[in-house]
Amino acid sequence: MAGLKVEVIKFFPFELPGRKSGVVGYADVKIGDVLVIKAIRLMRNRHGGYYVQMPRIQTEGGSYEVVEVLSKDLLEEIRRKIREAYKEMFKI
């Protein structure tokens, strides 16, 4: 994303042994000098790929994302940076 630097401030691993899919960690991400998004989930699907899930609020009727990233490029950059932080932490 032009002009906005994406940086993982903290990564909190959360991986349950023996599970092939699900949450592998939470990340706090800084976007430029204007925004911090906390508790973004890094998820692993059953095929071994990774995706991010923005913070959610649980309500009686279900749940919804608190942050919606409208730019596919920015969302991909967030995913890439979080995945890199995960790989670096575990030397994968």
PDB file of N, CA and C in Angstrom:
ATOM      1  N   MET A   1       0.856  -1.171   0.000  1.00  0.00           N
ATOM      2  CA  MET A   1       0.000   0.000   0.000  1.00  0.00           C
ATOM      3  C   MET A   1       0.896   1.226   0.000  1.00  0.00           C
ATOM      4  N   ALA A   2       0.784   2.021  -1.009  1.00  0.00           N
ATOM      5  CA  ALA A   2       1.660   3.175  -1.175  1.00  0.00           C
ATOM      6  C   ALA A   2       1.495   4.168  -0.029  1.00  0.00           C
ATOM      7  N   GLY A   3       2.627   4.501   0.579  1.00  0.00           N
ATOM      8  CA  GLY A   3       2.615   5.543   1.599  1.00  0.00           C
ATOM      9  C   GLY A   3       2.316   5.090   3.011  1.00  0.00           C
ATOM     10  N   LEU A   4       1.768   3.917   3.188  1.00  0.00           N
ATOM     11  CA  LEU A   4       1.447   3.435   4.533  1.00  0.00           C
ATOM     12  C   LEU A   4       2.308   2.232   4.875  1.00  0.00           C
ATOM     13  N   LYS A   5       3.156   2.412   5.860  1.00  0.00           N
ATOM     14  CA  LYS A   5       4.015   1.319   6.299  1.00  0.00           C
ATOM     15  C   LYS A   5       3.243   0.455   7.292  1.00  0.00           C
ATOM     16  N   VAL A   6       3.253  -0.845   7.078  1.00  0.00           N
ATOM     17  CA  VAL A   6       2.598  -1.798   7.975  1.00  0.00           C
ATOM     18  C   VAL A   6       3.675  -2.438   8.837  1.00  0.00           C
ATOM     19  N   GLU A   7       3.483  -2.384  10.153  1.00  0.00           N
ATOM     20  CA  GLU A   7       4.473  -2.906  11.094  1.00  0.00           C
ATOM     21  C   GLU A   7       3.778  -3.704  12.195  1.00  0.00           C
ATOM     22  N   VAL A   8       4.273  -4.905  12.445  1.00  0.00           N
ATOM     23  CA  VAL A   8       3.758  -5.701  13.555  1.00  0.00           C
ATOM     24  C   VAL A   8       4.449  -5.211  14.824  1.00  0.00           C
ATOM     25  N   ILE A   9       3.652  -4.695  15.758  1.00  0.00           N
ATOM     26  CA  ILE A   9       4.194  -4.174  17.017  1.00  0.00           C
ATOM     27  C   ILE A   9       4.451  -5.324  17.980  1.00  0.00           C
ATOM     28  N   LYS A  10       3.474  -6.208  18.111  1.00  0.00           N
ATOM     29  CA  LYS A  10       3.585  -7.374  18.993  1.00  0.00           C
ATOM     30  C   LYS A  10       2.909  -8.557  18.323  1.00  0.00           C
ATOM     31  N   PHE A  11       3.456  -9.747  18.586  1.00  0.00           N
ATOM     32  CA  PHE A  11       2.814 -10.975  18.130  1.00  0.00           C
ATOM     33  C   PHE A  11       2.710 -11.909  19.321  1.00  0.00           C
ATOM     34  N   PHE A  12       1.511 -12.394  19.567  1.00  0.00           N
ATOM     35  CA  PHE A  12       1.249 -13.285  20.688  1.00  0.00           C
ATOM     36  C   PHE A  12       0.883 -14.659  20.136  1.00  0.00           C
ATOM     37  N   PRO A  13       1.789 -15.635  20.233  1.00  0.00           N
ATOM     38  CA  PRO A  13       1.473 -16.968  19.699  1.00  0.00           C
ATOM     39  C   PRO A  13       0.353 -17.624  20.507  1.00  0.00           C
ATOM     40  N   PHE A  14      -0.496 -18.342  19.805  1.00  0.00           N
ATOM     41  CA  PHE A  14      -1.596 -19.054  20.441  1.00  0.00           C
ATOM     42  C   PHE A  14      -1.896 -20.260  19.573  1.00  0.00           C
ATOM     43  N   GLU A  15      -1.146 -21.298  19.779  1.00  0.00           N
ATOM     44  CA  GLU A  15      -1.308 -22.477  18.937  1.00  0.00           C
ATOM     45  C   GLU A  15      -1.533 -23.686  19.815  1.00  0.00           C
ATOM     46  N   LEU A  16      -2.565 -24.432  19.500  1.00  0.00           N
ATOM     47  CA  LEU A  16      -2.866 -25.634  20.260  1.00  0.00           C
ATOM     48  C   LEU A  16      -2.203 -26.827  19.578  1.00  0.00           C
ATOM     49  N   PRO A  17      -1.450 -27.618  20.320  1.00  0.00           N
ATOM     50  CA  PRO A  17      -0.759 -28.772  19.732  1.00  0.00           C
ATOM     51  C   PRO A  17      -1.730 -29.738  19.057  1.00  0.00           C
ATOM     52  N   GLY A  18      -1.303 -30.257  17.919  1.00  0.00           N
ATOM     53  CA  GLY A  18      -2.096 -31.272  17.232  1.00  0.00           C
ATOM     54  C   GLY A  18      -3.190 -30.732  16.340  1.00  0.00           C
ATOM     55  N   ARG A  19      -3.426 -29.423  16.351  1.00  0.00           N
ATOM     56  CA  ARG A  19      -4.470 -28.854  15.493  1.00  0.00           C
ATOM     57  C   ARG A  19      -3.871 -28.401  14.182  1.00  0.00           C
ATOM     58  N   LYS A  20      -4.503 -28.793  13.102  1.00  0.00           N
ATOM     59  CA  LYS A  20      -4.011 -28.417  11.783  1.00  0.00           C
ATOM     60  C   LYS A  20      -4.581 -27.080  11.322  1.00  0.00           C
ATOM     61  N   SER A  21      -5.642 -26.618  11.958  1.00  0.00           N
ATOM     62  CA  SER A  21      -6.233 -25.342  11.571  1.00  0.00           C
ATOM     63  C   SER A  21      -6.665 -24.592  12.822  1.00  0.00           C
ATOM     64  N   GLY A  22      -6.971 -23.323  12.638  1.00  0.00           N
ATOM     65  CA  GLY A  22      -7.429 -22.496  13.745  1.00  0.00           C
ATOM     66  C   GLY A  22      -6.472 -21.353  14.022  1.00  0.00           C
ATOM     67  N   VAL A  23      -6.644 -20.721  15.176  1.00  0.00           N
ATOM     68  CA  VAL A  23      -5.849 -19.558  15.551  1.00  0.00           C
ATOM     69  C   VAL A  23      -4.419 -19.983  15.874  1.00  0.00           C
ATOM     70  N   VAL A  24      -3.447 -19.307  15.259  1.00  0.00           N
ATOM     71  CA  VAL A  24      -2.048 -19.570  15.600  1.00  0.00           C
ATOM     72  C   VAL A  24      -1.436 -18.398  16.358  1.00  0.00           C
ATOM     73  N   GLY A  25      -2.121 -17.249  16.368  1.00  0.00           N
ATOM     74  CA  GLY A  25      -1.612 -16.123  17.132  1.00  0.00           C
ATOM     75  C   GLY A  25      -2.443 -14.871  16.944  1.00  0.00           C
ATOM     76  N   TYR A  26      -2.113 -13.884  17.769  1.00  0.00           N
ATOM     77  CA  TYR A  26      -2.750 -12.576  17.714  1.00  0.00           C
ATOM     78  C   TYR A  26      -1.665 -11.542  17.485  1.00  0.00           C
ATOM     79  N   ALA A  27      -1.976 -10.502  16.714  1.00  0.00           N
ATOM     80  CA  ALA A  27      -0.985  -9.465  16.430  1.00  0.00           C
ATOM     81  C   ALA A  27      -1.582  -8.078  16.632  1.00  0.00           C
ATOM     82  N   ASP A  28      -0.730  -7.170  17.092  1.00  0.00           N
ATOM     83  CA  ASP A  28      -1.042  -5.747  17.112  1.00  0.00           C
ATOM     84  C   ASP A  28      -0.249  -5.137  15.967  1.00  0.00           C
ATOM     85  N   VAL A  29      -0.931  -4.403  15.090  1.00  0.00           N
ATOM     86  CA  VAL A  29      -0.319  -3.884  13.877  1.00  0.00           C
ATOM     87  C   VAL A  29      -0.470  -2.369  13.815  1.00  0.00           C
ATOM     88  N   LYS A  30       0.627  -1.715  13.463  1.00  0.00           N
ATOM     89  CA  LYS A  30       0.635  -0.265  13.279  1.00  0.00           C
ATOM     90  C   LYS A  30       0.626   0.014  11.785  1.00  0.00           C
ATOM     91  N   ILE A  31      -0.255   0.907  11.354  1.00  0.00           N
ATOM     92  CA  ILE A  31      -0.347   1.276   9.947  1.00  0.00           C
ATOM     93  C   ILE A  31       0.016   2.753   9.834  1.00  0.00           C
ATOM     94  N   GLY A  32       1.169   2.986   9.225  1.00  0.00           N
ATOM     95  CA  GLY A  32       1.691   4.348   9.147  1.00  0.00           C
ATOM     96  C   GLY A  32       1.880   4.906  10.547  1.00  0.00           C
ATOM     97  N   ASP A  33       1.677   6.182  10.680  1.00  0.00           N
ATOM     98  CA  ASP A  33       1.703   6.821  11.990  1.00  0.00           C
ATOM     99  C   ASP A  33       0.299   7.257  12.381  1.00  0.00           C
ATOM    100  N   VAL A  34      -0.707   6.536  11.853  1.00  0.00           N
ATOM    101  CA  VAL A  34      -2.078   6.997  12.053  1.00  0.00           C
ATOM    102  C   VAL A  34      -3.014   5.988  12.710  1.00  0.00           C
ATOM    103  N   LEU A  35      -2.640   4.708  12.726  1.00  0.00           N
ATOM    104  CA  LEU A  35      -3.603   3.713  13.187  1.00  0.00           C
ATOM    105  C   LEU A  35      -2.905   2.497  13.785  1.00  0.00           C
ATOM    106  N   VAL A  36      -3.444   2.001  14.893  1.00  0.00           N
ATOM    107  CA  VAL A  36      -3.007   0.726  15.472  1.00  0.00           C
ATOM    108  C   VAL A  36      -4.237  -0.157  15.575  1.00  0.00           C
ATOM    109  N   ILE A  37      -4.127  -1.368  15.057  1.00  0.00           N
ATOM    110  CA  ILE A  37      -5.206  -2.356  15.176  1.00  0.00           C
ATOM    111  C   ILE A  37      -4.685  -3.457  16.083  1.00  0.00           C
ATOM    112  N   LYS A  38      -5.403  -3.713  17.168  1.00  0.00           N
ATOM    113  CA  LYS A  38      -4.979  -4.725  18.137  1.00  0.00           C
ATOM    114  C   LYS A  38      -5.806  -5.988  17.983  1.00  0.00           C
ATOM    115  N   ALA A  39      -5.184  -7.102  18.337  1.00  0.00           N
ATOM    116  CA  ALA A  39      -5.843  -8.412  18.390  1.00  0.00           C
ATOM    117  C   ALA A  39      -6.329  -8.908  17.032  1.00  0.00           C
ATOM    118  N   ILE A  40      -5.500  -8.728  16.001  1.00  0.00           N
ATOM    119  CA  ILE A  40      -5.793  -9.340  14.701  1.00  0.00           C
ATOM    120  C   ILE A  40      -5.376 -10.802  14.811  1.00  0.00           C
ATOM    121  N   ARG A  41      -6.254 -11.691  14.430  1.00  0.00           N
ATOM    122  CA  ARG A  41      -5.950 -13.127  14.515  1.00  0.00           C
ATOM    123  C   ARG A  41      -5.243 -13.596  13.253  1.00  0.00           C
ATOM    124  N   LEU A  42      -4.191 -14.392  13.448  1.00  0.00           N
ATOM    125  CA  LEU A  42      -3.593 -15.111  12.328  1.00  0.00           C
ATOM    126  C   LEU A  42      -4.157 -16.520  12.401  1.00  0.00           C
ATOM    127  N   MET A  43      -4.815 -16.928  11.333  1.00  0.00           N
ATOM    128  CA  MET A  43      -5.480 -18.222  11.276  1.00  0.00           C
ATOM    129  C   MET A  43      -4.790 -19.102  10.241  1.00  0.00           C
ATOM    130  N   ARG A  44      -4.767 -20.409  10.522  1.00  0.00           N
ATOM    131  CA  ARG A  44      -4.261 -21.374   9.543  1.00  0.00           C
ATOM    132  C   ARG A  44      -5.445 -22.230   9.114  1.00  0.00           C
ATOM    133  N   ASN A  45      -5.625 -22.344   7.798  1.00  0.00           N
ATOM    134  CA  ASN A  45      -6.719 -23.182   7.319  1.00  0.00           C
ATOM    135  C   ASN A  45      -6.261 -24.637   7.249  1.00  0.00           C
ATOM    136  N   ARG A  46      -7.167 -25.516   6.977  1.00  0.00           N
ATOM    137  CA  ARG A  46      -6.850 -26.952   7.004  1.00  0.00           C
ATOM    138  C   ARG A  46      -5.907 -27.378   5.885  1.00  0.00           C
ATOM    139  N   HIS A  47      -5.681 -26.495   4.908  1.00  0.00           N
ATOM    140  CA  HIS A  47      -4.768 -26.800   3.803  1.00  0.00           C
ATOM    141  C   HIS A  47      -3.371 -26.234   4.056  1.00  0.00           C
ATOM    142  N   GLY A  48      -3.181 -25.588   5.211  1.00  0.00           N
ATOM    143  CA  GLY A  48      -1.869 -25.058   5.563  1.00  0.00           C
ATOM    144  C   GLY A  48      -1.649 -23.603   5.214  1.00  0.00           C
ATOM    145  N   GLY A  49      -2.626 -22.966   4.571  1.00  0.00           N
ATOM    146  CA  GLY A  49      -2.511 -21.544   4.238  1.00  0.00           C
ATOM    147  C   GLY A  49      -2.858 -20.669   5.433  1.00  0.00           C
ATOM    148  N   TYR A  50      -2.542 -19.397   5.334  1.00  0.00           N
ATOM    149  CA  TYR A  50      -2.792 -18.459   6.422  1.00  0.00           C
ATOM    150  C   TYR A  50      -3.701 -17.332   5.961  1.00  0.00           C
ATOM    151  N   TYR A  51      -4.512 -16.844   6.870  1.00  0.00           N
ATOM    152  CA  TYR A  51      -5.327 -15.664   6.611  1.00  0.00           C
ATOM    153  C   TYR A  51      -5.491 -14.916   7.921  1.00  0.00           C
ATOM    154  N   VAL A  52      -5.920 -13.652   7.812  1.00  0.00           N
ATOM    155  CA  VAL A  52      -6.119 -12.856   9.016  1.00  0.00           C
ATOM    156  C   VAL A  52      -7.610 -12.634   9.242  1.00  0.00           C
ATOM    157  N   GLN A  53      -7.934 -12.457  10.500  1.00  0.00           N
ATOM    158  CA  GLN A  53      -9.310 -12.161  10.894  1.00  0.00           C
ATOM    159  C   GLN A  53      -9.244 -10.935  11.805  1.00  0.00           C
ATOM    160  N   MET A  54      -9.916  -9.890  11.393  1.00  0.00           N
ATOM    161  CA  MET A  54      -9.902  -8.652  12.163  1.00  0.00           C
ATOM    162  C   MET A  54     -10.614  -8.857  13.506  1.00  0.00           C
ATOM    163  N   PRO A  55     -10.340  -7.969  14.475  1.00  0.00           N
ATOM    164  CA  PRO A  55     -11.002  -8.081  15.790  1.00  0.00           C
ATOM    165  C   PRO A  55     -12.524  -8.108  15.630  1.00  0.00           C
ATOM    166  N   ARG A  56     -13.174  -8.909  16.467  1.00  0.00           N
ATOM    167  CA  ARG A  56     -14.621  -9.096  16.383  1.00  0.00           C
ATOM    168  C   ARG A  56     -15.280  -8.794  17.716  1.00  0.00           C
ATOM    169  N   ILE A  57     -16.538  -8.382  17.639  1.00  0.00           N
ATOM    170  CA  ILE A  57     -17.365  -8.190  18.824  1.00  0.00           C
ATOM    171  C   ILE A  57     -18.467  -9.237  18.795  1.00  0.00           C
ATOM    172  N   GLN A  58     -18.657  -9.903  19.916  1.00  0.00           N
ATOM    173  CA  GLN A  58     -19.700 -10.917  20.038  1.00  0.00           C
ATOM    174  C   GLN A  58     -20.975 -10.251  20.538  1.00  0.00           C
ATOM    175  N   THR A  59     -22.084 -10.509  19.878  1.00  0.00           N
ATOM    176  CA  THR A  59     -23.384 -10.000  20.303  1.00  0.00           C
ATOM    177  C   THR A  59     -24.343 -11.172  20.434  1.00  0.00           C
ATOM    178  N   GLU A  60     -25.536 -10.902  20.906  1.00  0.00           N
ATOM    179  CA  GLU A  60     -26.533 -11.971  21.032  1.00  0.00           C
ATOM    180  C   GLU A  60     -26.872 -12.580  19.675  1.00  0.00           C
ATOM    181  N   GLY A  61     -26.797 -11.764  18.635  1.00  0.00           N
ATOM    182  CA  GLY A  61     -27.146 -12.240  17.298  1.00  0.00           C
ATOM    183  C   GLY A  61     -25.978 -12.800  16.511  1.00  0.00           C
ATOM    184  N   GLY A  62     -24.827 -12.902  17.112  1.00  0.00           N
ATOM    185  CA  GLY A  62     -23.647 -13.412  16.408  1.00  0.00           C
ATOM    186  C   GLY A  62     -22.445 -12.541  16.689  1.00  0.00           C
ATOM    187  N   SER A  63     -21.617 -12.363  15.684  1.00  0.00           N
ATOM    188  CA  SER A  63     -20.438 -11.516  15.851  1.00  0.00           C
ATOM    189  C   SER A  63     -20.216 -10.718  14.578  1.00  0.00           C
ATOM    190  N   TYR A  64     -19.477  -9.617  14.721  1.00  0.00           N
ATOM    191  CA  TYR A  64     -19.132  -8.840  13.545  1.00  0.00           C
ATOM    192  C   TYR A  64     -17.753  -8.228  13.733  1.00  0.00           C
ATOM    193  N   GLU A  65     -17.091  -7.943  12.617  1.00  0.00           N
ATOM    194  CA  GLU A  65     -15.757  -7.364  12.651  1.00  0.00           C
ATOM    195  C   GLU A  65     -15.834  -5.905  13.069  1.00  0.00           C
ATOM    196  N   VAL A  66     -14.923  -5.503  13.939  1.00  0.00           N
ATOM    197  CA  VAL A  66     -14.842  -4.131  14.410  1.00  0.00           C
ATOM    198  C   VAL A  66     -14.145  -3.257  13.373  1.00  0.00           C
ATOM    199  N   VAL A  67     -13.172  -3.828  12.670  1.00  0.00           N
ATOM    200  CA  VAL A  67     -12.401  -3.116  11.650  1.00  0.00           C
ATOM    201  C   VAL A  67     -12.609  -3.827  10.330  1.00  0.00           C
ATOM    202  N   GLU A  68     -12.906  -3.048   9.304  1.00  0.00           N
ATOM    203  CA  GLU A  68     -13.036  -3.613   7.967  1.00  0.00           C
ATOM    204  C   GLU A  68     -12.015  -2.932   7.061  1.00  0.00           C
ATOM    205  N   VAL A  69     -11.113  -3.702   6.498  1.00  0.00           N
ATOM    206  CA  VAL A  69     -10.095  -3.164   5.596  1.00  0.00           C
ATOM    207  C   VAL A  69     -10.671  -3.207   4.187  1.00  0.00           C
ATOM    208  N   LEU A  70     -10.837  -2.042   3.598  1.00  0.00           N
ATOM    209  CA  LEU A  70     -11.461  -1.960   2.282  1.00  0.00           C
ATOM    210  C   LEU A  70     -10.481  -2.211   1.142  1.00  0.00           C
ATOM    211  N   SER A  71      -9.210  -1.978   1.377  1.00  0.00           N
ATOM    212  CA  SER A  71      -8.195  -2.175   0.347  1.00  0.00           C
ATOM    213  C   SER A  71      -7.664  -3.607   0.407  1.00  0.00           C
ATOM    214  N   LYS A  72      -7.813  -4.335  -0.680  1.00  0.00           N
ATOM    215  CA  LYS A  72      -7.273  -5.696  -0.738  1.00  0.00           C
ATOM    216  C   LYS A  72      -5.757  -5.694  -0.613  1.00  0.00           C
ATOM    217  N   ASP A  73      -5.110  -4.672  -1.186  1.00  0.00           N
ATOM    218  CA  ASP A  73      -3.648  -4.576  -1.100  1.00  0.00           C
ATOM    219  C   ASP A  73      -3.198  -4.382   0.345  1.00  0.00           C
ATOM    220  N   LEU A  74      -3.879  -3.514   1.076  1.00  0.00           N
ATOM    221  CA  LEU A  74      -3.521  -3.281   2.475  1.00  0.00           C
ATOM    222  C   LEU A  74      -3.784  -4.525   3.310  1.00  0.00           C
ATOM    223  N   LEU A  75      -4.899  -5.185   3.087  1.00  0.00           N
ATOM    224  CA  LEU A  75      -5.210  -6.416   3.822  1.00  0.00           C
ATOM    225  C   LEU A  75      -4.151  -7.483   3.547  1.00  0.00           C
ATOM    226  N   GLU A  76      -3.713  -7.601   2.302  1.00  0.00           N
ATOM    227  CA  GLU A  76      -2.670  -8.577   1.955  1.00  0.00           C
ATOM    228  C   GLU A  76      -1.351  -8.220   2.628  1.00  0.00           C
ATOM    229  N   GLU A  77      -1.029  -6.933   2.698  1.00  0.00           N
ATOM    230  CA  GLU A  77       0.209  -6.498   3.353  1.00  0.00           C
ATOM    231  C   GLU A  77       0.149  -6.794   4.856  1.00  0.00           C
ATOM    232  N   ILE A  78      -0.989  -6.573   5.477  1.00  0.00           N
ATOM    233  CA  ILE A  78      -1.167  -6.900   6.894  1.00  0.00           C
ATOM    234  C   ILE A  78      -0.962  -8.397   7.105  1.00  0.00           C
ATOM    235  N   ARG A  79      -1.598  -9.209   6.281  1.00  0.00           N
ATOM    236  CA  ARG A  79      -1.471 -10.665   6.382  1.00  0.00           C
ATOM    237  C   ARG A  79      -0.009 -11.090   6.217  1.00  0.00           C
ATOM    238  N   ARG A  80       0.663 -10.524   5.222  1.00  0.00           N
ATOM    239  CA  ARG A  80       2.046 -10.885   4.950  1.00  0.00           C
ATOM    240  C   ARG A  80       2.958 -10.536   6.126  1.00  0.00           C
ATOM    241  N   LYS A  81       2.784  -9.338   6.679  1.00  0.00           N
ATOM    242  CA  LYS A  81       3.636  -8.910   7.799  1.00  0.00           C
ATOM    243  C   LYS A  81       3.392  -9.766   9.043  1.00  0.00           C
ATOM    244  N   ILE A  82       2.135 -10.093   9.324  1.00  0.00           N
ATOM    245  CA  ILE A  82       1.830 -10.928  10.489  1.00  0.00           C
ATOM    246  C   ILE A  82       2.398 -12.329  10.294  1.00  0.00           C
ATOM    247  N   ARG A  83       2.251 -12.864   9.096  1.00  0.00           N
ATOM    248  CA  ARG A  83       2.784 -14.201   8.820  1.00  0.00           C
ATOM    249  C   ARG A  83       4.308 -14.215   8.943  1.00  0.00           C
ATOM    250  N   GLU A  84       4.963 -13.171   8.464  1.00  0.00           N
ATOM    251  CA  GLU A  84       6.414 -13.066   8.599  1.00  0.00           C
ATOM    252  C   GLU A  84       6.825 -13.035  10.073  1.00  0.00           C
ATOM    253  N   ALA A  85       6.083 -12.280  10.885  1.00  0.00           N
ATOM    254  CA  ALA A  85       6.387 -12.220  12.329  1.00  0.00           C
ATOM    255  C   ALA A  85       6.242 -13.609  12.964  1.00  0.00           C
ATOM    256  N   TYR A  86       5.205 -14.336  12.567  1.00  0.00           N
ATOM    257  CA  TYR A  86       4.975 -15.692  13.071  1.00  0.00           C
ATOM    258  C   TYR A  86       6.128 -16.609  12.671  1.00  0.00           C
ATOM    259  N   LYS A  87       6.499 -16.569  11.408  1.00  0.00           N
ATOM    260  CA  LYS A  87       7.584 -17.438  10.914  1.00  0.00           C
ATOM    261  C   LYS A  87       8.910 -17.112  11.587  1.00  0.00           C
ATOM    262  N   GLU A  88       9.165 -15.815  11.764  1.00  0.00           N
ATOM    263  CA  GLU A  88      10.410 -15.405  12.414  1.00  0.00           C
ATOM    264  C   GLU A  88      10.451 -15.863  13.869  1.00  0.00           C
ATOM    265  N   MET A  89       9.325 -15.764  14.561  1.00  0.00           N
ATOM    266  CA  MET A  89       9.276 -16.154  15.970  1.00  0.00           C
ATOM    267  C   MET A  89       9.579 -17.649  16.145  1.00  0.00           C
ATOM    268  N   PHE A  90       9.090 -18.467  15.216  1.00  0.00           N
ATOM    269  CA  PHE A  90       9.254 -19.910  15.332  1.00  0.00           C
ATOM    270  C   PHE A  90      10.299 -20.471  14.378  1.00  0.00           C
ATOM    271  N   LYS A  91      11.029 -19.592  13.707  1.00  0.00           N
ATOM    272  CA  LYS A  91      12.110 -19.981  12.791  1.00  0.00           C
ATOM    273  C   LYS A  91      11.642 -20.986  11.748  1.00  0.00           C
ATOM    274  N   ILE A  92      10.484 -20.722  11.183  1.00  0.00           N
ATOM    275  CA  ILE A  92       9.890 -21.617  10.174  1.00  0.00           C
ATOM    276  C   ILE A  92      10.422 -21.246   8.800  1.00  0.00           C
TER     277      ILE A  92
END
